[in-house]
């Protein structure tokens, strides 16, 4: 067998050495791990009656990656969940090693006409619990339907900005902004987005999520 020598082999060994050195530096290892986000929510997060790839977390992850963000987003949405339900499953829905959580809860509390004090307390405890674990939170808000009356609307709508202000959170005020009431962007029930509706949600929330990513601790 012919043995290679000279400049050719020198270049090969030099390239191999550089690649090996880069592969095992702490910086390279850190950059290789994606930012791990959890989307904690109800059916709006879960992707009610949609394929998994059309649900909010999957579409958001795709949009963020297209903009150069190395992220993975776990879908921790449970259809029918109230804010209290989200609180009850918080510890197992958000595993250790999570870099950030997007909380989207409260719509079912509102649709059931529950006292706004209930989601205020539960969402506040979710945020407090995550912060105690060192996990940053972004809050996606909801608006009450206006037929519930001005008193209810004021108490419900205000809970999200109040919690965000108290804890210094990035807030996206209304998760359904741009699609609420649009028959073309919602399923026949008028409550859940179509795949196109999810794309509109992601397009509108994307700048806020990028702002949230910029606040995460450097790894």
Protein backbone atom coordinates (compact mmCIF):
# COMPACT_ATOMS: atom_id res chain seq x y z
CA UNK A 1 0.00 0.00 0.00
CA UNK A 2 1.32 3.43 -0.95
CA UNK A 3 2.04 5.71 2.00
CA UNK A 4 1.17 9.39 1.67
CA UNK A 5 3.64 11.95 2.93
CA UNK A 6 4.64 15.53 2.51
CA UNK A 7 2.41 18.64 2.47
CA UNK A 8 -0.79 16.66 1.79
CA UNK A 9 -0.56 14.68 5.03
CA UNK A 10 0.48 17.76 6.97
CA UNK A 11 -2.71 19.53 5.93
CA UNK A 12 -4.85 16.50 6.80
CA UNK A 13 -3.36 16.19 10.29
CA UNK A 14 -3.70 19.93 10.91
CA UNK A 15 -7.39 19.94 9.93
CA UNK A 16 -8.11 16.87 12.05
CA UNK A 17 -6.41 18.43 15.06
CA UNK A 18 -8.39 21.66 14.70
CA UNK A 19 -11.70 19.81 14.41
CA UNK A 20 -10.97 17.68 17.44
CA UNK A 21 -9.94 20.67 19.51
CA UNK A 22 -13.13 22.56 18.60
CA UNK A 23 -15.39 19.57 19.22
CA UNK A 24 -14.33 19.24 22.82
CA UNK A 25 -14.14 22.86 23.94
CA UNK A 26 -16.72 23.86 26.57
CA UNK A 27 -17.95 26.62 24.25
CA UNK A 28 -18.64 24.18 21.44
CA UNK A 29 -20.43 21.76 23.74
CA UNK A 30 -22.58 24.57 25.15
CA UNK A 31 -23.48 25.82 21.69
CA UNK A 32 -24.43 22.32 20.57
CA UNK A 33 -27.24 22.06 23.13
CA UNK A 34 -30.43 23.81 22.06
CA UNK A 35 -32.31 26.19 24.33
CA UNK A 36 -34.99 24.05 25.95
CA UNK A 37 -38.38 25.74 26.27
CA UNK A 38 -41.66 24.36 27.57
CA UNK A 39 -45.02 25.71 26.41
CA UNK A 40 -47.32 25.18 29.39
CA UNK A 41 -50.93 25.68 28.42
CA UNK A 42 -54.35 24.39 27.53
CA UNK A 43 -55.89 23.31 24.21
CA UNK A 44 -54.62 26.47 22.50
CA UNK A 45 -51.10 25.21 23.16
CA UNK A 46 -51.87 21.51 22.77
CA UNK A 47 -53.17 22.00 19.22
CA UNK A 48 -56.78 20.90 19.59
CA UNK A 49 -57.90 18.90 16.52
CA UNK A 50 -54.66 19.67 14.69
CA UNK A 51 -51.74 17.40 13.74
CA UNK A 52 -48.78 17.65 16.11
CA UNK A 53 -46.67 19.56 13.59
CA UNK A 54 -49.38 22.26 13.31
CA UNK A 55 -49.64 22.90 17.07
CA UNK A 56 -48.36 26.18 18.49
CA UNK A 57 -45.10 24.85 20.05
CA UNK A 58 -44.02 23.06 16.86
CA UNK A 59 -44.81 26.02 14.59
CA UNK A 60 -43.10 28.44 16.98
CA UNK A 61 -40.00 26.24 17.15
CA UNK A 62 -39.83 26.12 13.36
CA UNK A 63 -40.18 29.91 13.11
CA UNK A 64 -37.48 30.53 15.71
CA UNK A 65 -35.09 28.10 14.03
CA UNK A 66 -35.68 29.85 10.72
CA UNK A 67 -34.44 33.02 12.40
CA UNK A 68 -31.29 31.32 13.66
CA UNK A 69 -32.33 30.38 17.21
CA UNK A 70 -31.24 26.91 18.31
CA UNK A 71 -34.33 25.97 20.33
CA UNK A 72 -36.48 22.98 21.21
CA UNK A 73 -40.01 23.55 22.49
CA UNK A 74 -41.86 20.87 24.43
CA UNK A 75 -45.63 20.85 24.04
CA UNK A 76 -47.01 20.76 27.60
CA UNK A 77 -50.52 21.77 26.60
CA UNK A 78 -53.49 19.83 27.98
CA UNK A 79 -56.91 20.40 26.46
CA UNK A 80 -59.47 21.54 29.01
CA UNK A 81 -56.89 22.55 31.58
CA UNK A 82 -57.63 25.45 33.86
CA UNK A 83 -54.87 27.49 35.46
CA UNK A 84 -55.25 25.38 38.59
CA UNK A 85 -54.80 22.24 36.51
CA UNK A 86 -51.60 23.68 35.09
CA UNK A 87 -50.37 24.42 38.59
CA UNK A 88 -51.17 20.89 39.77
CA UNK A 89 -49.00 19.32 37.04
CA UNK A 90 -46.29 21.96 37.02
CA UNK A 91 -43.45 19.88 38.45
CA UNK A 92 -43.74 16.99 35.99
CA UNK A 93 -44.67 19.17 33.03
CA UNK A 94 -41.52 21.27 33.39
CA UNK A 95 -38.49 18.99 33.93
CA UNK A 96 -35.16 20.04 35.37
CA UNK A 97 -32.89 21.44 32.69
CA UNK A 98 -35.64 23.59 31.16
CA UNK A 99 -34.25 26.98 30.13
CA UNK A 100 -37.56 28.85 29.98
CA UNK A 101 -41.34 28.44 30.06
CA UNK A 102 -44.09 30.13 28.06
CA UNK A 103 -47.24 30.05 30.20
CA UNK A 104 -50.58 30.17 28.32
CA UNK A 105 -53.39 29.44 30.76
CA UNK A 106 -56.64 30.98 31.96
CA UNK A 107 -58.94 30.73 28.93
CA UNK A 108 -60.87 27.80 30.41
CA UNK A 109 -61.22 29.58 33.75
CA UNK A 110 -62.83 32.46 31.87
CA UNK A 111 -65.07 30.28 29.70
CA UNK A 112 -66.36 28.56 32.85
CA UNK A 113 -67.00 31.91 34.47
CA UNK A 114 -64.67 31.18 37.39
CA UNK A 115 -63.81 34.02 39.72
CA UNK A 116 -60.77 35.79 38.19
CA UNK A 117 -59.13 35.57 41.61
CA UNK A 118 -58.67 31.84 40.94
CA UNK A 119 -56.48 32.13 37.81
CA UNK A 120 -54.73 35.14 39.33
CA UNK A 121 -53.67 33.02 42.27
CA UNK A 122 -52.83 29.88 40.26
CA UNK A 123 -50.82 31.64 37.55
CA UNK A 124 -49.03 33.67 40.19
CA UNK A 125 -48.05 30.46 41.97
CA UNK A 126 -46.88 28.90 38.68
CA UNK A 127 -44.59 31.86 38.09
CA UNK A 128 -43.34 31.84 41.69
CA UNK A 129 -42.69 28.10 41.57
CA UNK A 130 -40.73 28.29 38.33
CA UNK A 131 -38.69 31.26 39.50
CA UNK A 132 -37.84 29.37 42.69
CA UNK A 133 -36.35 26.67 40.44
CA UNK A 134 -34.40 29.29 38.51
CA UNK A 135 -36.53 28.91 35.37
CA UNK A 136 -37.48 32.16 33.58
CA UNK A 137 -41.09 32.67 32.50
CA UNK A 138 -42.86 34.43 29.65
CA UNK A 139 -46.59 35.07 30.09
CA UNK A 140 -49.12 34.82 27.26
CA UNK A 141 -52.29 36.60 28.31
CA UNK A 142 -55.97 36.19 27.50
CA UNK A 143 -58.92 38.57 27.30
CA UNK A 144 -62.34 37.80 28.72
CA UNK A 145 -65.32 37.74 26.38
CA UNK A 146 -67.16 41.02 26.76
CA UNK A 147 -70.54 39.41 27.43
CA UNK A 148 -69.30 38.52 30.91
CA UNK A 149 -69.75 42.14 31.96
CA UNK A 150 -67.37 45.03 32.60
CA UNK A 151 -66.55 44.07 36.19
CA UNK A 152 -65.51 40.54 35.24
CA UNK A 153 -63.62 41.76 32.17
CA UNK A 154 -61.64 44.29 34.20
CA UNK A 155 -60.70 41.76 36.88
CA UNK A 156 -59.77 39.04 34.41
CA UNK A 157 -57.92 41.09 31.80
CA UNK A 158 -55.82 42.85 34.43
CA UNK A 159 -54.44 39.70 36.06
CA UNK A 160 -51.87 39.09 33.32
CA UNK A 161 -50.25 42.56 33.22
CA UNK A 162 -50.36 42.67 37.02
CA UNK A 163 -48.48 39.37 37.37
CA UNK A 164 -46.04 40.33 34.62
CA UNK A 165 -45.30 43.65 36.31
CA UNK A 166 -44.94 42.06 39.75
CA UNK A 167 -42.41 39.49 38.53
CA UNK A 168 -40.74 41.44 35.71
CA UNK A 169 -41.92 39.08 32.98
CA UNK A 170 -42.09 39.42 29.22
CA UNK A 171 -45.83 39.65 28.50
CA UNK A 172 -47.69 38.98 25.27
CA UNK A 173 -51.05 40.54 26.18
CA UNK A 174 -53.49 38.48 24.08
CA UNK A 175 -52.60 35.03 22.78
CA UNK A 176 -55.41 35.07 20.20
CA UNK A 177 -54.52 38.47 18.80
CA UNK A 178 -55.22 38.58 15.07
CA UNK A 179 -57.49 35.53 14.95
CA UNK A 180 -60.20 36.03 17.60
CA UNK A 181 -63.59 36.15 15.93
CA UNK A 182 -62.23 35.34 12.46
CA UNK A 183 -64.13 32.35 11.08
CA UNK A 184 -61.44 31.70 8.50
CA UNK A 185 -58.77 31.27 11.17
CA UNK A 186 -60.76 29.26 13.71
CA UNK A 187 -62.29 25.80 13.76
CA UNK A 188 -66.10 25.55 13.56
CA UNK A 189 -66.33 25.83 17.36
CA UNK A 190 -65.09 29.41 17.06
CA UNK A 191 -62.68 28.89 19.96
CA UNK A 192 -59.66 27.05 18.58
CA UNK A 193 -57.36 28.15 15.75
CA UNK A 194 -56.94 26.33 12.49
CA UNK A 195 -53.45 25.52 11.28
CA UNK A 196 -53.44 28.87 9.49
CA UNK A 197 -54.66 30.53 12.67
CA UNK A 198 -51.71 29.07 14.57
CA UNK A 199 -49.37 30.51 11.96
CA UNK A 200 -50.88 33.95 12.54
CA UNK A 201 -50.48 33.55 16.31
CA UNK A 202 -46.83 32.58 15.88
CA UNK A 203 -46.13 35.44 13.49
CA UNK A 204 -47.51 37.95 16.00
CA UNK A 205 -45.99 36.49 19.17
CA UNK A 206 -42.57 35.86 17.62
CA UNK A 207 -41.00 39.25 18.50
CA UNK A 208 -42.03 38.84 22.14
CA UNK A 209 -40.57 35.34 22.25
CA UNK A 210 -37.31 36.63 20.80
CA UNK A 211 -37.27 39.31 23.49
CA UNK A 212 -37.77 36.54 26.05
CA UNK A 213 -34.92 34.49 24.61
CA UNK A 214 -32.64 37.51 24.91
CA UNK A 215 -33.36 37.66 28.66
CA UNK A 216 -32.39 34.05 29.34
CA UNK A 217 -29.15 33.53 31.27
CA UNK A 218 -26.13 32.79 29.14
CA UNK A 219 -25.28 29.08 29.11
